[in-house]
Amino acid sequence: MKQFFPILSWLPNYKKEYLSNDLFAGLTVGVMLIPQGMAYALIAGLPPVYGLYASVVPQIIYAIFGTSRQLSVAPVAMDSLLVATGISVLATEGTDAYITFAILLAFFMGVAQFTLGVIRMGFITNLLSKPVISGFTSAAALIIGLSQLKYLLGVEVARANEIHVVLASTFEKLGEVHWVTLLLGVSGIVFIKLAKRWNKKIPGALIAVVAGILIVIGFGLDEKGVSVVREIPQGLPAFILPDLSLEMIQKLLPLSLTIAVVAYMEAFSVAKAIEAKRRNYKVIPNQELIALGASNIIGSLFQSYPVTGGFSRSAVNEQSGAQTPLASIISAGLVALTLLFLTPLFYHLPHAILASIIMVAVSGLIDTKYILTLWKTNKLELVLLLATGIVTLTFGMVQGIVSGIILSILLLLFKAANPHIAFLGRVKGFTEYRNLKRFKDLETWDNLIVVRVDVPFVFVNIQTIKERMIQAALKGEGKLKYVILDAASVVHIDATGIVGVRDLVETLNEKGIRLLFAEVIGPVRDALYVNGLVTNKEDQSFFLTTDDAVKYCLSESYEKSRDQMAIQTNE
């Protein structure tokens, strides 16, 4: 029961001293979540109140099923943009049909995540390498930020996921900029940024919201062209059963699967980062899928659109001292109280302030430090990062993440097909062997070479391994008699690898060269014997250490040369 309901592992053991920390963290995140939730709903193309709806039930459900004790599950910028991307081709933004599609998307996304968790597919995050995640996230942050230009500038800008389309439309409308709106939005950005620098615990976004409302009321800016939120429905979200028609499933299934994976990737990466910092509990991948799935399924029944764990909120929750998921329940309670009693206060909230909140939030997703690190350490993975980012910016977020996964797999195959192969020499006076390219003054011999292959022998790389070993052997100019394979790193050999080794043995034998094996692990040695690749006695083909193999070859050569000298003397 504790595995499926992690709340049973922390609630019965709850300590009184946790309450003050959880209460402070819950109120802090709740205060942050009210303006943030409304802002993210705008990104999704939904009325602001749906951001509040999505901040109540999902948090409570995750507190019951989730294994992270600080993860804050509610609307996030990236998934909100994915919602807008997918739903905008099915319905017109702002219509009842659009809202229905967004809520149904949460349901199908939840079903996908829940199912993946039940069948133990939590490892799917391994398909996304760090460069792909960084490239996709940085590009998504730019797209999200640019999508708010229409609210920041007070003009109608084309809504698109292609960065060039948004920029072109913005430049066309620069002459129509509403300067009061722009001043209000820029002031919000500056204030929130400064508040973060002064003290991260200051609720800069909420203060900006309050100040924005007061300024609009005080100067009557809504009557002078400044766009405001206006009426927000009061009361908790109603329970509504979804329309599970075949037509709806066909329309939303592909998009729901994409968002399910992206949302899980985002939440799990945040949860693991906090787990590494706290070290007093363990985040379980499959249970996290179940928890996120349940949050979206049940949340959709109460008019929630897709949610996941957020970077900034979870960081604030952890930094504020949250000890258990009770902090998230308190956050949900604060949002619920706002829906019940405080929504009329947000009537004069300017859209420009919400845009400033979004722009500040997503600016932190652009990881320039990691780009510089890759430039110094791994330019091939830097190309992967840039390619993912460029595809995301040019063609859209779904295309970006899919292309990133494909490129990651291709890069993995490329590296596997071109493994690290080292030619070794012996350290003088010792029995240790080192790479000839990395160390100097190593012992080498004309009649033998020592090769270390640092990968399993499988279909992807066996051809390359075979060709490089044969090529090195042929450079021996007739003097080479032995090739010693240091196989300590060869942990597996498949059927194609067996064929490749057989070809290698036969080719070397034709040249009068014998292949010996050193430090071979049991399963690989068994595979070689079973397939008839080694017919000599074990002590003549396999050696416990590389140095034993070298000594054997040197002694064999000495005996052969001594026998030849004896024959010549007799003649």
Protein backbone atom coordinates (compact mmCIF):
# COMPACT_ATOMS: atom_id res chain seq x y z
CA MET A 1 0.00 0.00 0.00
CA LYS A 2 2.85 2.38 0.80
CA GLN A 3 4.34 1.77 -2.65
CA PHE A 4 1.13 2.80 -4.41
CA PHE A 5 0.11 5.43 -1.82
CA PRO A 6 3.37 7.10 -0.67
CA ILE A 7 1.33 9.40 1.59
CA LEU A 8 1.14 6.42 3.98
CA SER A 9 4.92 6.51 4.37
CA TRP A 10 5.13 10.12 5.58
CA LEU A 11 1.76 11.10 7.04
CA PRO A 12 1.68 8.57 9.95
CA ASN A 13 5.24 9.64 10.86
CA TYR A 14 4.55 13.35 10.61
CA LYS A 15 6.33 15.42 13.26
CA LYS A 16 5.02 18.60 14.89
CA GLU A 17 8.22 20.49 14.10
CA TYR A 18 7.54 20.00 10.37
CA LEU A 19 4.30 22.00 10.49
CA SER A 20 5.78 25.51 10.69
CA ASN A 21 8.10 24.80 7.73
CA ASP A 22 5.34 23.21 5.63
CA LEU A 23 2.95 26.04 6.45
CA PHE A 24 5.45 28.75 5.47
CA ALA A 25 6.46 26.92 2.28
CA GLY A 26 2.85 26.18 1.33
CA LEU A 27 1.77 29.80 1.75
CA THR A 28 4.84 31.06 -0.13
CA VAL A 29 4.25 28.78 -3.12
CA GLY A 30 0.51 29.48 -3.02
CA VAL A 31 1.13 33.23 -3.17
CA MET A 32 3.52 32.64 -6.07
CA LEU A 33 1.14 30.25 -7.82
CA ILE A 34 -1.89 32.56 -8.00
CA PRO A 35 -0.42 35.04 -10.51
CA GLN A 36 1.76 32.38 -12.14
CA GLY A 37 -1.16 30.02 -12.76
CA MET A 38 -3.21 32.77 -14.40
CA ALA A 39 -0.21 33.78 -16.52
CA TYR A 40 0.42 30.23 -17.73
CA ALA A 41 -3.25 29.81 -18.63
CA LEU A 42 -2.79 32.74 -21.02
CA ILE A 43 0.10 30.90 -22.69
CA ALA A 44 -2.22 27.92 -23.19
CA GLY A 45 -4.81 30.21 -24.78
CA LEU A 46 -7.22 29.74 -21.88
CA PRO A 47 -9.00 32.24 -19.59
CA PRO A 48 -6.83 32.99 -16.51
CA VAL A 49 -9.22 31.22 -14.11
CA TYR A 50 -8.28 27.84 -15.65
CA GLY A 51 -4.75 28.34 -14.36
CA LEU A 52 -6.23 28.53 -10.84
CA TYR A 53 -8.44 25.49 -11.45
CA ALA A 54 -5.32 23.53 -12.48
CA SER A 55 -3.58 24.58 -9.26
CA VAL A 56 -6.03 23.01 -6.80
CA VAL A 57 -6.92 19.34 -7.34
CA PRO A 58 -3.68 18.18 -9.08
CA GLN A 59 -1.56 19.34 -6.13
CA ILE A 60 -3.68 17.38 -3.68
CA ILE A 61 -3.67 14.22 -5.80
CA TYR A 62 0.10 14.38 -6.27
CA ALA A 63 0.56 14.72 -2.50
CA ILE A 64 -1.21 11.35 -2.16
CA PHE A 65 0.56 9.43 -4.95
CA GLY A 66 3.89 11.25 -5.48
CA THR A 67 7.25 10.19 -4.08
CA SER A 68 8.89 13.64 -4.14
CA ARG A 69 8.16 15.67 -1.01
CA GLN A 70 8.90 19.09 -2.48
CA LEU A 71 7.69 18.84 -6.11
CA SER A 72 4.97 21.40 -6.88
CA VAL A 73 2.53 20.06 -9.49
CA ALA A 74 0.51 22.74 -11.30
CA PRO A 75 0.58 24.54 -14.70
CA VAL A 76 4.01 25.15 -16.25
CA ALA A 77 5.06 27.37 -19.15
CA MET A 78 6.40 24.68 -21.47
CA ASP A 79 3.40 22.38 -21.30
CA SER A 80 1.06 25.37 -21.58
CA LEU A 81 2.65 26.30 -24.89
CA LEU A 82 2.41 22.68 -26.08
CA VAL A 83 -1.30 22.80 -25.23
CA ALA A 84 -1.73 25.96 -27.30
CA THR A 85 0.30 24.44 -30.15
CA GLY A 86 -1.83 21.32 -30.39
CA ILE A 87 -5.28 22.67 -29.57
CA SER A 88 -5.05 25.76 -31.81
CA VAL A 89 -5.28 23.54 -34.91
CA LEU A 90 -8.44 21.88 -33.57
CA ALA A 91 -10.44 24.90 -32.32
CA THR A 92 -10.38 28.68 -32.14
CA GLU A 93 -8.75 30.14 -29.05
CA GLY A 94 -11.21 31.37 -26.44
CA THR A 95 -14.13 29.24 -27.60
CA ASP A 96 -15.90 26.60 -25.51
CA ALA A 97 -14.60 23.92 -27.89
CA TYR A 98 -11.01 25.07 -27.28
CA ILE A 99 -11.47 24.85 -23.50
CA THR A 100 -13.07 21.41 -23.80
CA PHE A 101 -10.15 20.13 -25.89
CA ALA A 102 -7.62 21.47 -23.36
CA ILE A 103 -9.36 19.73 -20.44
CA LEU A 104 -9.72 16.49 -22.41
CA LEU A 105 -6.04 16.69 -23.30
CA ALA A 106 -5.23 16.60 -19.58
CA PHE A 107 -7.36 13.47 -19.20
CA PHE A 108 -5.71 11.60 -22.09
CA MET A 109 -2.27 12.78 -21.03
CA GLY A 110 -2.95 11.46 -17.53
CA VAL A 111 -4.12 8.10 -18.88
CA ALA A 112 -0.90 7.85 -20.93
CA GLN A 113 1.30 8.65 -17.92
CA PHE A 114 -0.62 6.36 -15.58
CA THR A 115 -0.41 3.48 -18.07
CA LEU A 116 3.32 4.01 -18.63
CA GLY A 117 3.82 3.92 -14.87
CA VAL A 118 1.83 0.73 -14.40
CA ILE A 119 3.80 -1.08 -17.13
CA ARG A 120 7.03 0.25 -15.58
CA MET A 121 8.21 2.52 -18.39
CA GLY A 122 9.81 5.09 -16.13
CA PHE A 123 13.12 4.64 -17.95
CA ILE A 124 11.81 6.63 -20.95
CA THR A 125 13.59 9.71 -19.62
CA ASN A 126 16.81 7.97 -20.67
CA LEU A 127 15.83 8.63 -24.29
CA LEU A 128 16.47 12.31 -23.72
CA SER A 129 20.10 13.27 -23.24
CA LYS A 130 21.11 16.43 -21.39
CA PRO A 131 22.02 18.33 -24.62
CA VAL A 132 18.59 17.54 -26.11
CA ILE A 133 16.79 18.65 -22.94
CA SER A 134 18.85 21.84 -22.75
CA GLY A 135 18.39 22.68 -26.45
CA PHE A 136 14.66 22.01 -26.34
CA THR A 137 14.11 23.88 -23.06
CA SER A 138 16.10 26.94 -24.16
CA ALA A 139 14.26 27.12 -27.49
CA ALA A 140 10.90 26.61 -25.76
CA ALA A 141 11.74 29.44 -23.35
CA LEU A 142 12.38 31.78 -26.30
CA ILE A 143 9.12 30.77 -27.96
CA ILE A 144 7.16 31.25 -24.72
CA GLY A 145 8.78 34.63 -24.08
CA LEU A 146 8.07 35.86 -27.60
CA SER A 147 4.48 34.61 -27.37
CA GLN A 148 3.92 37.26 -24.68
CA LEU A 149 5.03 40.18 -26.86
CA LYS A 150 1.43 40.92 -27.83
CA TYR A 151 0.57 41.52 -24.16
CA LEU A 152 3.79 43.40 -23.46
CA LEU A 153 3.47 45.68 -26.50
CA GLY A 154 -0.30 45.99 -26.46
CA VAL A 155 -0.66 44.97 -30.12
CA GLU A 156 -1.96 41.93 -31.96
CA VAL A 157 0.97 39.70 -32.92
CA ALA A 158 0.70 36.46 -34.91
CA ARG A 159 0.47 33.42 -32.63
CA ALA A 160 2.86 30.75 -33.87
CA ASN A 161 5.52 28.32 -32.66
CA GLU A 162 7.94 29.35 -35.41
CA ILE A 163 10.17 32.12 -34.09
CA HIS A 164 10.61 33.82 -37.48
CA VAL A 165 6.83 34.16 -37.91
CA VAL A 166 6.42 35.82 -34.50
CA LEU A 167 9.39 38.17 -35.04
CA ALA A 168 8.21 39.20 -38.51
CA SER A 169 4.72 39.93 -37.22
CA THR A 170 6.15 41.91 -34.28
CA PHE A 171 8.31 44.12 -36.53
CA GLU A 172 5.27 44.86 -38.70
CA LYS A 173 3.32 46.09 -35.66
CA LEU A 174 6.05 48.16 -33.98
CA GLY A 175 4.38 51.38 -35.14
CA GLU A 176 1.21 50.43 -33.23
CA VAL A 177 2.86 49.83 -29.83
CA HIS A 178 0.80 50.97 -26.85
CA TRP A 179 3.50 52.75 -24.87
CA VAL A 180 1.69 52.79 -21.52
CA THR A 181 1.22 49.01 -21.72
CA LEU A 182 4.89 48.56 -22.65
CA LEU A 183 6.03 50.76 -19.75
CA LEU A 184 3.84 48.79 -17.34
CA GLY A 185 5.16 45.44 -18.57
CA VAL A 186 8.83 46.47 -18.58
CA SER A 187 8.44 47.90 -15.07
CA GLY A 188 7.02 44.54 -13.95
CA ILE A 189 10.00 42.67 -15.43
CA VAL A 190 12.53 44.99 -13.79
CA PHE A 191 10.81 44.84 -10.40
CA ILE A 192 10.49 41.03 -10.35
CA LYS A 193 14.14 40.66 -11.38
CA LEU A 194 15.33 43.07 -8.70
CA ALA A 195 13.16 41.40 -6.06
CA LYS A 196 14.83 38.06 -6.87
CA ARG A 197 18.27 39.61 -6.45
CA TRP A 198 17.38 41.26 -3.15
CA ASN A 199 15.84 38.17 -1.60
CA LYS A 200 14.52 35.05 -3.32
CA LYS A 201 11.81 34.73 -0.68
CA ILE A 202 10.21 38.06 -1.67
CA PRO A 203 7.01 37.29 -3.69
CA GLY A 204 7.98 39.65 -6.49
CA ALA A 205 5.31 38.36 -8.86
CA LEU A 206 2.50 38.88 -6.34
CA ILE A 207 3.73 42.36 -5.43
CA ALA A 208 3.88 43.22 -9.14
CA VAL A 209 0.29 41.97 -9.53
CA VAL A 210 -0.97 44.08 -6.61
CA ALA A 211 0.95 47.15 -7.83
CA GLY A 212 -0.31 46.66 -11.38
CA ILE A 213 -3.93 46.46 -10.21
CA LEU A 214 -3.57 49.59 -8.07
CA ILE A 215 -1.90 51.56 -10.88
CA VAL A 216 -4.62 50.59 -13.37
CA ILE A 217 -7.37 51.59 -10.90
CA GLY A 218 -5.59 54.76 -9.77
CA PHE A 219 -4.93 56.13 -13.27
CA GLY A 220 -7.90 54.55 -15.05
CA LEU A 221 -5.54 52.84 -17.49
CA ASP A 222 -8.12 50.25 -18.55
CA GLU A 223 -10.06 53.13 -20.12
CA LYS A 224 -6.89 54.32 -21.90
CA GLY A 225 -6.21 51.12 -23.82
CA VAL A 226 -4.43 48.93 -21.27
CA SER A 227 -5.75 45.36 -21.56
CA VAL A 228 -6.92 43.86 -18.24
CA VAL A 229 -8.13 40.41 -17.15
CA ARG A 230 -11.65 41.64 -16.24
CA GLU A 231 -14.16 39.27 -14.65
CA ILE A 232 -12.89 35.97 -13.25
CA PRO A 233 -15.57 33.38 -12.35
CA GLN A 234 -15.89 32.92 -8.59
CA GLY A 235 -16.09 29.51 -6.92
CA LEU A 236 -14.37 26.15 -7.05
CA PRO A 237 -14.19 24.19 -10.34
CA ALA A 238 -17.23 22.02 -11.03
CA PHE A 239 -17.04 18.24 -11.50
CA ILE A 240 -17.52 17.42 -15.21
CA LEU A 241 -17.23 14.00 -16.86
CA PRO A 242 -15.14 14.00 -20.07
CA ASP A 243 -16.41 13.24 -23.57
CA LEU A 244 -14.64 9.98 -24.39
CA SER A 245 -15.84 9.63 -27.95
CA LEU A 246 -13.65 7.87 -30.53
CA GLU A 247 -13.35 11.12 -32.48
CA MET A 248 -11.89 12.93 -29.47
CA ILE A 249 -9.42 10.13 -28.79
CA GLN A 250 -8.19 10.16 -32.41
CA LYS A 251 -7.70 13.93 -32.35
CA LEU A 252 -5.91 14.19 -29.00
CA LEU A 253 -3.99 10.91 -28.60
CA PRO A 254 -0.78 11.87 -30.51
CA LEU A 255 -0.52 15.23 -28.74
CA SER A 256 -1.31 13.73 -25.34
CA LEU A 257 1.51 11.17 -25.70
CA THR A 258 4.00 13.91 -26.60
CA ILE A 259 3.04 16.15 -23.70
CA ALA A 260 2.97 13.14 -21.33
CA VAL A 261 6.63 12.37 -22.04
CA VAL A 262 7.77 16.01 -21.98
CA ALA A 263 5.88 16.72 -18.75
CA TYR A 264 7.27 13.61 -17.06
CA MET A 265 10.79 14.49 -18.17
CA GLU A 266 10.43 17.96 -16.68
CA ALA A 267 8.92 16.83 -13.39
CA PHE A 268 11.28 13.90 -12.88
CA SER A 269 14.41 15.97 -13.53
CA VAL A 270 13.28 18.52 -10.91
CA ALA A 271 12.33 15.80 -8.42
CA LYS A 272 15.70 14.04 -8.81
CA ALA A 273 17.59 17.31 -8.35
CA ILE A 274 15.77 17.98 -5.05
CA GLU A 275 16.20 14.35 -3.97
CA ALA A 276 19.98 14.64 -4.49
CA LYS A 277 19.97 17.74 -2.29
CA ARG A 278 17.77 16.38 0.52
CA ARG A 279 18.96 12.72 0.53
CA ASN A 280 16.31 11.61 3.03
CA TYR A 281 13.92 9.90 0.61
CA LYS A 282 13.96 8.28 -2.84
CA VAL A 283 12.08 9.36 -5.96
CA ILE A 284 10.69 6.30 -7.77
CA PRO A 285 10.36 6.79 -11.57
CA ASN A 286 7.37 4.53 -12.22
CA GLN A 287 5.45 5.82 -9.20
CA GLU A 288 6.09 9.38 -10.41
CA LEU A 289 4.42 8.49 -13.71
CA ILE A 290 1.45 7.07 -11.81
CA ALA A 291 1.27 10.16 -9.57
CA LEU A 292 1.42 12.63 -12.47
CA GLY A 293 -1.08 10.53 -14.41
CA ALA A 294 -3.53 10.47 -11.50
CA SER A 295 -3.08 14.23 -10.99
CA ASN A 296 -4.00 14.93 -14.61
CA ILE A 297 -6.84 12.41 -14.81
CA ILE A 298 -8.61 13.52 -11.62
CA GLY A 299 -7.66 17.16 -12.22
CA SER A 300 -9.34 17.09 -15.64
CA LEU A 301 -12.57 16.04 -13.97
CA PHE A 302 -12.40 19.39 -12.16
CA GLN A 303 -11.62 21.49 -15.26
CA SER A 304 -7.82 21.33 -15.05
CA TYR A 305 -5.68 21.49 -18.18
CA PRO A 306 -2.32 19.55 -18.34
CA VAL A 307 -0.02 20.03 -15.34
CA THR A 308 3.38 18.79 -14.18
CA GLY A 309 6.12 19.62 -11.70
CA GLY A 310 7.51 23.13 -12.17
CA PHE A 311 11.16 24.20 -11.89
CA SER A 312 10.74 27.55 -10.13
CA ARG A 313 7.86 26.61 -7.80
CA SER A 314 9.54 23.41 -6.62
CA ALA A 315 12.78 25.29 -5.98
CA VAL A 316 10.91 27.90 -3.92
CA ASN A 317 9.06 25.14 -2.07
CA GLU A 318 12.34 23.43 -1.18
CA GLN A 319 14.14 26.66 -0.26
CA SER A 320 11.21 27.73 1.94
CA GLY A 321 11.75 24.63 4.06
CA ALA A 322 8.99 22.26 2.90
CA GLN A 323 9.41 18.92 4.68
CA THR A 324 6.46 16.95 3.28
CA PRO A 325 3.77 17.18 0.56
CA LEU A 326 1.52 18.84 3.14
CA ALA A 327 3.07 22.09 1.86
CA SER A 328 1.48 21.45 -1.55
CA ILE A 329 -1.89 20.74 0.06
CA ILE A 330 -1.63 24.09 1.88
CA SER A 331 -0.78 25.80 -1.46
CA ALA A 332 -3.85 24.21 -3.04
CA GLY A 333 -5.96 25.41 -0.12
CA LEU A 334 -4.78 28.99 -0.58
CA VAL A 335 -5.63 28.90 -4.30
CA ALA A 336 -9.06 27.44 -3.43
CA LEU A 337 -9.71 30.29 -0.97
CA THR A 338 -8.74 32.76 -3.69
CA LEU A 339 -11.26 31.17 -6.07
CA LEU A 340 -13.97 31.31 -3.41
CA PHE A 341 -13.50 34.85 -2.14
CA LEU A 342 -10.79 36.88 -3.91
CA THR A 343 -11.33 36.63 -7.68
CA PRO A 344 -13.11 40.04 -7.92
CA LEU A 345 -9.85 41.66 -6.81
CA PHE A 346 -8.14 40.57 -10.04
CA TYR A 347 -10.62 42.38 -12.36
CA HIS A 348 -8.15 45.21 -13.10
CA LEU A 349 -5.06 42.97 -13.37
CA PRO A 350 -3.21 44.07 -16.56
CA HIS A 351 -2.17 41.39 -19.04
CA ALA A 352 1.19 43.16 -19.33
CA ILE A 353 2.00 42.23 -15.72
CA LEU A 354 1.13 38.59 -16.39
CA ALA A 355 3.38 38.74 -19.47
CA SER A 356 6.22 40.11 -17.34
CA ILE A 357 5.81 37.24 -14.86
CA ILE A 358 6.03 34.71 -17.68
CA MET A 359 9.07 36.33 -19.31
CA VAL A 360 11.01 36.41 -16.05
CA ALA A 361 10.07 32.80 -15.27
CA VAL A 362 11.16 31.39 -18.64
CA SER A 363 14.36 33.44 -18.86
CA GLY A 364 15.87 31.12 -16.26
CA LEU A 365 15.30 28.13 -18.56
CA ILE A 366 17.90 29.34 -21.09
CA ASP A 367 21.06 27.53 -19.97
CA THR A 368 23.95 29.50 -21.49
CA LYS A 369 26.46 28.05 -19.02
CA TYR A 370 25.86 24.53 -20.30
CA ILE A 371 26.32 25.70 -23.90
CA LEU A 372 29.71 27.16 -22.99
CA THR A 373 30.64 23.96 -21.15
CA LEU A 374 29.89 21.84 -24.22
CA TRP A 375 31.86 24.26 -26.41
CA LYS A 376 34.92 23.53 -24.26
CA THR A 377 34.39 19.81 -23.64
CA ASN A 378 32.23 18.13 -26.31
CA LYS A 379 31.50 19.93 -29.58
CA LEU A 380 29.62 16.94 -31.01
CA GLU A 381 27.02 17.15 -28.24
CA LEU A 382 26.97 20.93 -28.67
CA VAL A 383 25.87 20.33 -32.28
CA LEU A 384 23.12 18.06 -30.93
CA LEU A 385 21.96 20.80 -28.55
CA LEU A 386 21.97 23.48 -31.26
CA ALA A 387 20.22 21.22 -33.78
CA THR A 388 17.42 20.45 -31.31
CA GLY A 389 17.05 24.13 -30.48
CA ILE A 390 17.03 25.25 -34.13
CA VAL A 391 14.41 22.64 -35.14
CA THR A 392 12.25 23.65 -32.16
CA LEU A 393 12.49 27.35 -33.03
CA THR A 394 11.96 26.83 -36.76
CA PHE A 395 9.36 24.07 -36.99
CA GLY A 396 7.73 23.78 -33.56
CA MET A 397 8.11 22.16 -30.14
CA VAL A 398 6.80 18.69 -31.00
CA GLN A 399 9.11 18.47 -34.02
CA GLY A 400 11.97 19.72 -31.84
CA ILE A 401 11.63 17.09 -29.13
CA VAL A 402 11.11 14.25 -31.66
CA SER A 403 14.12 15.31 -33.71
CA GLY A 404 16.16 15.58 -30.51
CA ILE A 405 15.32 12.00 -29.54
CA ILE A 406 16.18 10.74 -33.05
CA LEU A 407 19.46 12.66 -33.10
CA SER A 408 20.34 11.33 -29.62
CA ILE A 409 19.84 7.76 -30.79
CA LEU A 410 21.85 8.39 -33.97
CA LEU A 411 24.67 9.93 -31.94
CA LEU A 412 24.61 6.95 -29.58
CA LEU A 413 24.81 4.55 -32.53
CA PHE A 414 27.64 6.59 -34.07
CA LYS A 415 29.64 6.41 -30.85
CA ALA A 416 28.88 2.71 -30.46
CA ALA A 417 29.96 2.04 -34.06
CA ASN A 418 33.25 3.87 -33.48
CA PRO A 419 34.43 2.51 -30.12
CA HIS A 420 37.58 3.44 -28.23
CA ILE A 421 40.36 0.98 -29.12
CA ALA A 422 43.72 1.36 -27.38
CA PHE A 423 47.05 -0.20 -28.31
CA LEU A 424 49.00 -0.89 -25.14
CA GLY A 425 52.58 -1.02 -23.94
CA ARG A 426 54.02 -2.24 -20.63
CA VAL A 427 55.19 0.20 -17.98
CA LYS A 428 58.89 -0.52 -17.51
CA GLY A 429 59.56 -2.49 -14.34
CA PHE A 430 55.88 -3.22 -13.73
CA THR A 431 53.15 -5.54 -15.00
CA GLU A 432 50.76 -2.68 -15.83
CA TYR A 433 49.80 -1.76 -19.39
CA ARG A 434 48.89 1.70 -20.67
CA ASN A 435 47.72 3.39 -23.88
CA LEU A 436 50.68 4.13 -26.19
CA LYS A 437 49.06 7.42 -27.25
CA ARG A 438 48.82 8.72 -23.68
CA PHE A 439 52.05 7.48 -22.09
CA LYS A 440 55.71 7.55 -23.09
CA ASP A 441 58.61 5.11 -22.49
CA LEU A 442 56.42 1.99 -22.61
CA GLU A 443 57.78 -1.42 -23.59
CA THR A 444 56.68 -2.74 -26.99
CA TRP A 445 57.70 -5.77 -29.03
CA ASP A 446 58.06 -6.44 -32.76
CA ASN A 447 56.40 -9.86 -32.66
CA LEU A 448 53.26 -8.96 -30.70
CA ILE A 449 50.76 -6.17 -30.12
CA VAL A 450 48.38 -5.71 -27.20
CA VAL A 451 44.91 -4.31 -27.96
CA ARG A 452 42.24 -3.19 -25.49
CA VAL A 453 38.66 -2.73 -26.69
CA ASP A 454 36.45 -0.78 -24.26
CA VAL A 455 33.00 -1.88 -25.47
CA PRO A 456 30.93 -5.07 -25.85
CA PHE A 457 31.31 -6.93 -29.16
CA VAL A 458 27.93 -6.33 -30.83
CA PHE A 459 26.51 -5.87 -34.30
CA VAL A 460 26.97 -2.10 -34.24
CA ASN A 461 30.73 -2.08 -33.72
CA ILE A 462 32.21 -5.48 -34.55
CA GLN A 463 33.04 -4.54 -38.13
CA THR A 464 35.00 -1.47 -37.01
CA ILE A 465 36.82 -3.45 -34.29
CA LYS A 466 37.77 -6.21 -36.71
CA GLU A 467 39.01 -3.83 -39.41
CA ARG A 468 41.14 -1.76 -37.01
CA MET A 469 42.75 -4.83 -35.45
CA ILE A 470 43.54 -6.35 -38.84
CA GLN A 471 44.88 -3.04 -40.10
CA ALA A 472 47.18 -2.77 -37.07
CA ALA A 473 48.33 -6.38 -37.48
CA LEU A 474 49.26 -5.88 -41.14
CA LYS A 475 51.61 -3.05 -40.18
CA GLY A 476 53.83 -5.64 -38.50
CA GLU A 477 55.69 -6.22 -41.84
CA GLY A 478 55.84 -9.99 -41.38
CA LYS A 479 57.41 -9.86 -37.92
CA LEU A 480 54.12 -9.95 -36.01
CA LYS A 481 53.18 -13.36 -34.64
CA TYR A 482 50.68 -12.59 -31.86
CA VAL A 483 47.77 -10.24 -31.20
CA ILE A 484 46.73 -10.13 -27.54
CA LEU A 485 43.20 -8.92 -26.87
CA ASP A 486 42.77 -7.34 -23.43
CA ALA A 487 39.06 -8.15 -23.07
CA ALA A 488 38.46 -6.95 -19.52
CA SER A 489 36.01 -4.31 -20.80
CA VAL A 490 34.16 -6.70 -23.14
CA VAL A 491 31.12 -7.48 -20.98
CA HIS A 492 28.96 -8.99 -23.72
CA ILE A 493 29.21 -10.55 -27.17
CA ASP A 494 26.19 -11.07 -29.42
CA ALA A 495 25.65 -13.38 -32.42
CA THR A 496 27.04 -10.86 -34.90
CA GLY A 497 30.02 -10.31 -32.60
CA ILE A 498 30.73 -14.07 -32.64
CA VAL A 499 30.78 -14.05 -36.44
CA GLY A 500 33.10 -11.03 -36.42
CA VAL A 501 35.54 -12.65 -34.00
CA ARG A 502 35.56 -15.82 -36.12
CA ASP A 503 36.42 -13.75 -39.20
CA LEU A 504 39.14 -11.97 -37.23
CA VAL A 505 40.70 -15.25 -36.03
CA GLU A 506 40.64 -16.77 -39.53
CA THR A 507 42.06 -13.66 -41.19
CA LEU A 508 44.93 -13.42 -38.68
CA ASN A 509 45.65 -17.16 -39.01
CA GLU A 510 45.99 -16.75 -42.78
CA LYS A 511 48.68 -14.15 -42.10
CA GLY A 512 50.46 -16.46 -39.64
CA ILE A 513 49.27 -14.45 -36.66
CA ARG A 514 47.63 -15.94 -33.60
CA LEU A 515 44.93 -14.20 -31.54
CA LEU A 516 45.16 -14.63 -27.76
CA PHE A 517 42.63 -13.52 -25.13
CA ALA A 518 43.45 -11.98 -21.75
CA GLU A 519 41.22 -11.10 -18.78
CA VAL A 520 38.08 -12.44 -20.48
CA ILE A 521 35.02 -12.62 -18.22
CA GLY A 522 33.18 -15.92 -17.86
CA PRO A 523 30.09 -15.34 -20.05
CA VAL A 524 32.20 -14.07 -22.97
CA ARG A 525 34.67 -16.97 -22.64
CA ASP A 526 31.76 -19.43 -22.59
CA ALA A 527 30.31 -17.88 -25.75
CA LEU A 528 33.65 -18.25 -27.55
CA TYR A 529 33.97 -21.91 -26.55
CA VAL A 530 30.37 -22.85 -27.34
CA ASN A 531 30.70 -21.39 -30.82
CA GLY A 532 33.95 -23.28 -31.49
CA LEU A 533 36.08 -20.19 -31.85
CA VAL A 534 38.80 -21.51 -29.56
CA THR A 535 39.93 -25.11 -29.93
CA ASN A 536 43.28 -24.95 -28.16
CA LYS A 537 43.79 -25.68 -24.49
CA GLU A 538 42.66 -22.92 -22.19
CA ASP A 539 46.14 -22.13 -20.92
CA GLN A 540 47.29 -21.54 -24.52
CA SER A 541 44.43 -19.23 -25.57
CA PHE A 542 43.10 -17.56 -22.45
CA PHE A 543 45.19 -15.81 -19.81
CA LEU A 544 44.22 -14.39 -16.44
CA THR A 545 46.19 -11.21 -17.04
CA THR A 546 47.55 -9.36 -20.03
CA ASP A 547 51.06 -9.67 -18.66
CA ASP A 548 50.71 -13.48 -18.51
CA ALA A 549 49.80 -13.45 -22.21
CA VAL A 550 52.76 -11.25 -23.08
CA LYS A 551 55.18 -13.47 -21.12
CA TYR A 552 53.77 -16.55 -22.88
CA CYS A 553 54.31 -14.98 -26.31
CA LEU A 554 57.86 -13.89 -25.46
CA SER A 555 58.76 -17.34 -24.10
CA GLU A 556 57.23 -19.05 -27.14
CA SER A 557 59.23 -16.81 -29.45
CA TYR A 558 62.40 -17.52 -27.47
CA GLU A 559 61.88 -21.28 -27.67
CA LYS A 560 61.15 -21.12 -31.39
CA SER A 561 64.23 -19.02 -32.08
CA ARG A 562 66.36 -21.40 -29.92
CA ASP A 563 65.02 -24.42 -31.82
CA GLN A 564 65.79 -22.73 -35.14
CA MET A 565 69.34 -21.96 -34.00
CA ALA A 566 69.81 -25.59 -32.96
CA ILE A 567 68.61 -26.81 -36.35
CA GLN A 568 70.95 -24.42 -38.14
CA THR A 569 73.88 -25.58 -35.94
CA ASN A 570 73.19 -29.26 -36.70
CA GLU A 571 73.05 -28.49 -40.39
